[in-house]
C-alpha atoms as a PDB file:
ATOM      1  CA  MET A   1      15.747  -5.113 105.752  1.00  0.00           C
ATOM      2  CA  GLY A   2      17.899  -3.679 103.311  1.00  0.00           C
ATOM      3  CA  LYS A   3      18.131   0.469 102.290  1.00  0.00           C
ATOM      4  CA  GLU A   4      16.913   0.445  99.229  1.00  0.00           C
ATOM      5  CA  GLY A   5      17.475   4.550  97.949  1.00  0.00           C
ATOM      6  CA  SER A   6      15.871   6.627 100.817  1.00  0.00           C
ATOM      7  CA  ARG A   7      12.949   3.701 100.962  1.00  0.00           C
ATOM      8  CA  THR A   8      13.671   0.696 103.114  1.00  0.00           C
ATOM      9  CA  THR A   9      12.844  -3.003 101.605  1.00  0.00           C
ATOM     10  CA  LEU A  10      11.665  -6.112 103.093  1.00  0.00           C
ATOM     11  CA  ALA A  11      14.980  -7.584 101.332  1.00  0.00           C
ATOM     12  CA  ASN A  12      16.891  -9.727 103.441  1.00  0.00           C
ATOM     13  CA  THR A  13      19.768 -10.541 100.651  1.00  0.00           C
ATOM     14  CA  GLN A  14      21.955  -8.818  98.703  1.00  0.00           C
ATOM     15  CA  SER A  15      20.657 -10.588  95.512  1.00  0.00           C
ATOM     16  CA  ALA A  16      16.588  -9.403  96.562  1.00  0.00           C
ATOM     17  CA  ILE A  17      18.278  -5.901  97.327  1.00  0.00           C
ATOM     18  CA  LYS A  18      19.253  -6.137  93.551  1.00  0.00           C
ATOM     19  CA  ARG A  19      16.472  -8.012  92.170  1.00  0.00           C
ATOM     20  CA  ILE A  20      14.317  -4.719  93.712  1.00  0.00           C
ATOM     21  CA  ARG A  21      16.507  -2.056  91.568  1.00  0.00           C
ATOM     22  CA  SER A  22      16.674  -4.306  88.370  1.00  0.00           C
ATOM     23  CA  SER A  23      12.505  -4.589  88.671  1.00  0.00           C
ATOM     24  CA  GLU A  24      12.347  -1.136  89.385  1.00  0.00           C
ATOM     25  CA  ARG A  25      14.675   0.146  86.437  1.00  0.00           C
ATOM     26  CA  LYS A  26      12.691  -2.800  83.793  1.00  0.00           C
ATOM     27  CA  ARG A  27       9.404  -1.414  85.096  1.00  0.00           C
ATOM     28  CA  LYS A  28      10.196   2.409  84.100  1.00  0.00           C
ATOM     29  CA  THR A  29      11.297   0.982  80.636  1.00  0.00           C
ATOM     30  CA  ASN A  30       7.957  -0.773  80.176  1.00  0.00           C
ATOM     31  CA  GLN A  31       5.707   1.980  81.389  1.00  0.00           C
ATOM     32  CA  ALA A  32       7.249   4.097  79.150  1.00  0.00           C
ATOM     33  CA  HIS A  33       6.623   1.887  75.816  1.00  0.00           C
ATOM     34  CA  ARG A  34       3.431   1.035  77.103  1.00  0.00           C
ATOM     35  CA  SER A  35       3.031   4.994  76.880  1.00  0.00           C
ATOM     36  CA  ARG A  36       4.178   5.440  74.180  1.00  0.00           C
ATOM     37  CA  ALA A  37       2.192   3.419  72.278  1.00  0.00           C
ATOM     38  CA  ARG A  38      -0.746   4.310  73.941  1.00  0.00           C
ATOM     39  CA  THR A  39      -0.032   7.971  73.208  1.00  0.00           C
ATOM     40  CA  TYR A  40       0.172   7.277  69.400  1.00  0.00           C
ATOM     41  CA  LEU A  41      -2.886   5.222  69.352  1.00  0.00           C
ATOM     42  CA  ARG A  42      -4.596   8.753  70.971  1.00  0.00           C
ATOM     43  CA  ARG A  43      -2.995  10.646  69.080  1.00  0.00           C
ATOM     44  CA  THR A  44      -4.305   8.336  66.038  1.00  0.00           C
ATOM     45  CA  ARG A  45      -8.029   8.593  67.192  1.00  0.00           C
ATOM     46  CA  GLN A  46      -8.081  12.162  67.592  1.00  0.00           C
ATOM     47  CA  LEU A  47      -6.889  13.065  64.485  1.00  0.00           C
ATOM     48  CA  ILE A  48      -9.711  10.462  62.763  1.00  0.00           C
ATOM     49  CA  ALA A  49     -12.196  12.399  64.755  1.00  0.00           C
ATOM     50  CA  ARG A  50     -11.369  16.015  63.127  1.00  0.00           C
ATOM     51  CA  GLY A  51     -10.503  14.157  59.669  1.00  0.00           C
ATOM     52  CA  ASN A  52      -7.181  14.561  58.967  1.00  0.00           C
ATOM     53  CA  PHE A  53      -6.904  11.336  57.496  1.00  0.00           C
ATOM     54  CA  GLU A  54      -3.295  11.788  55.635  1.00  0.00           C
ATOM     55  CA  GLU A  55      -2.000  13.064  59.346  1.00  0.00           C
ATOM     56  CA  ALA A  56      -4.131   9.812  60.710  1.00  0.00           C
ATOM     57  CA  GLU A  57      -2.343   7.720  58.263  1.00  0.00           C
ATOM     58  CA  VAL A  58       1.417   8.432  59.179  1.00  0.00           C
ATOM     59  CA  MET A  59       0.384   8.112  62.918  1.00  0.00           C
ATOM     60  CA  ALA A  60      -1.173   5.107  62.400  1.00  0.00           C
ATOM     61  CA  ARG A  61       1.910   3.734  61.591  1.00  0.00           C
ATOM     62  CA  GLU A  62       3.705   5.392  63.878  1.00  0.00           C
ATOM     63  CA  ALA A  63       1.214   3.102  66.637  1.00  0.00           C
ATOM     64  CA  THR A  64       2.085  -0.073  64.733  1.00  0.00           C
ATOM     65  CA  SER A  65       5.564   0.508  64.956  1.00  0.00           C
ATOM     66  CA  ALA A  66       5.016   1.207  68.485  1.00  0.00           C
ATOM     67  CA  LEU A  67       2.758  -1.639  69.501  1.00  0.00           C
ATOM     68  CA  ASP A  68       4.794  -4.296  67.650  1.00  0.00           C
ATOM     69  CA  LYS A  69       8.221  -3.346  69.562  1.00  0.00           C
ATOM     70  CA  ALA A  70       6.005  -3.269  72.826  1.00  0.00           C
ATOM     71  CA  ALA A  71       4.988  -6.515  71.604  1.00  0.00           C
ATOM     72  CA  GLN A  72       8.227  -8.203  70.353  1.00  0.00           C
ATOM     73  CA  LYS A  73       9.730  -6.918  73.948  1.00  0.00           C
ATOM     74  CA  GLY A  74       7.132  -8.809  75.722  1.00  0.00           C
ATOM     75  CA  ILE A  75       5.366  -5.451  77.675  1.00  0.00           C
ATOM     76  CA  ILE A  76       2.199  -5.918  75.644  1.00  0.00           C
ATOM     77  CA  HIS A  77       0.803  -9.217  74.330  1.00  0.00           C
ATOM     78  CA  LYS A  78       1.156 -10.015  70.883  1.00  0.00           C
ATOM     79  CA  ASN A  79      -2.683 -10.582  70.556  1.00  0.00           C
ATOM     80  CA  ARG A  80      -3.347  -7.399  72.288  1.00  0.00           C
ATOM     81  CA  ALA A  81      -1.207  -5.977  69.594  1.00  0.00           C
ATOM     82  CA  ALA A  82      -2.375  -7.400  66.497  1.00  0.00           C
ATOM     83  CA  ARG A  83      -6.359  -6.457  68.077  1.00  0.00           C
ATOM     84  CA  SER A  84      -5.082  -2.509  68.928  1.00  0.00           C
ATOM     85  CA  LYS A  85      -3.857  -2.647  65.316  1.00  0.00           C
ATOM     86  CA  SER A  86      -6.920  -3.995  63.491  1.00  0.00           C
ATOM     87  CA  ARG A  87      -9.431  -1.841  65.348  1.00  0.00           C
ATOM     88  CA  LEU A  88      -7.308   1.423  64.675  1.00  0.00           C
ATOM     89  CA  MET A  89      -6.990   0.704  60.967  1.00  0.00           C
ATOM     90  CA  LYS A  90     -11.232  -0.314  60.964  1.00  0.00           C
ATOM     91  CA  GLN A  91     -11.467   2.939  62.561  1.00  0.00           C
ATOM     92  CA  LEU A  92      -9.602   4.893  59.940  1.00  0.00           C
ATOM     93  CA  GLN A  93     -11.281   2.672  57.003  1.00  0.00           C
ATOM     94  CA  GLN A  94     -14.746   3.200  57.874  1.00  0.00           C
ATOM     95  CA  ALA A  95     -14.150   7.412  58.949  1.00  0.00           C
ATOM     96  CA  ARG A  96     -12.723   7.284  55.172  1.00  0.00           C
ATOM     97  CA  GLN A  97     -15.941   5.590  53.988  1.00  0.00           C
ATOM     98  CA  GLN A  98     -18.046   7.790  55.785  1.00  0.00           C
ATOM     99  CA  GLU A  99     -15.769  11.143  54.724  1.00  0.00           C
ATOM    100  CA  ALA A 100     -16.844   9.838  51.148  1.00  0.00           C
END
């Protein structure tokens, strides 16, 4: 069994121990990208609910960018990114039409 920091792993070989380290690094970066995209989506929906459509549009662009980057890096599937963007823009348009 290998020692990984303060955690004991089941890995026996050096390559397996190294793989655990690199997987943990990748997991943290993937988590950050996924969290960033979710945060922008949530903030955009909140702005739409409040009726701040100009700010919501700016935040929607940020959300679109974050989703595209996550999809490009393979963190989320490209169809999921497209679906999320489509739903977000649809919500924004419907809220604008109801307001007018």
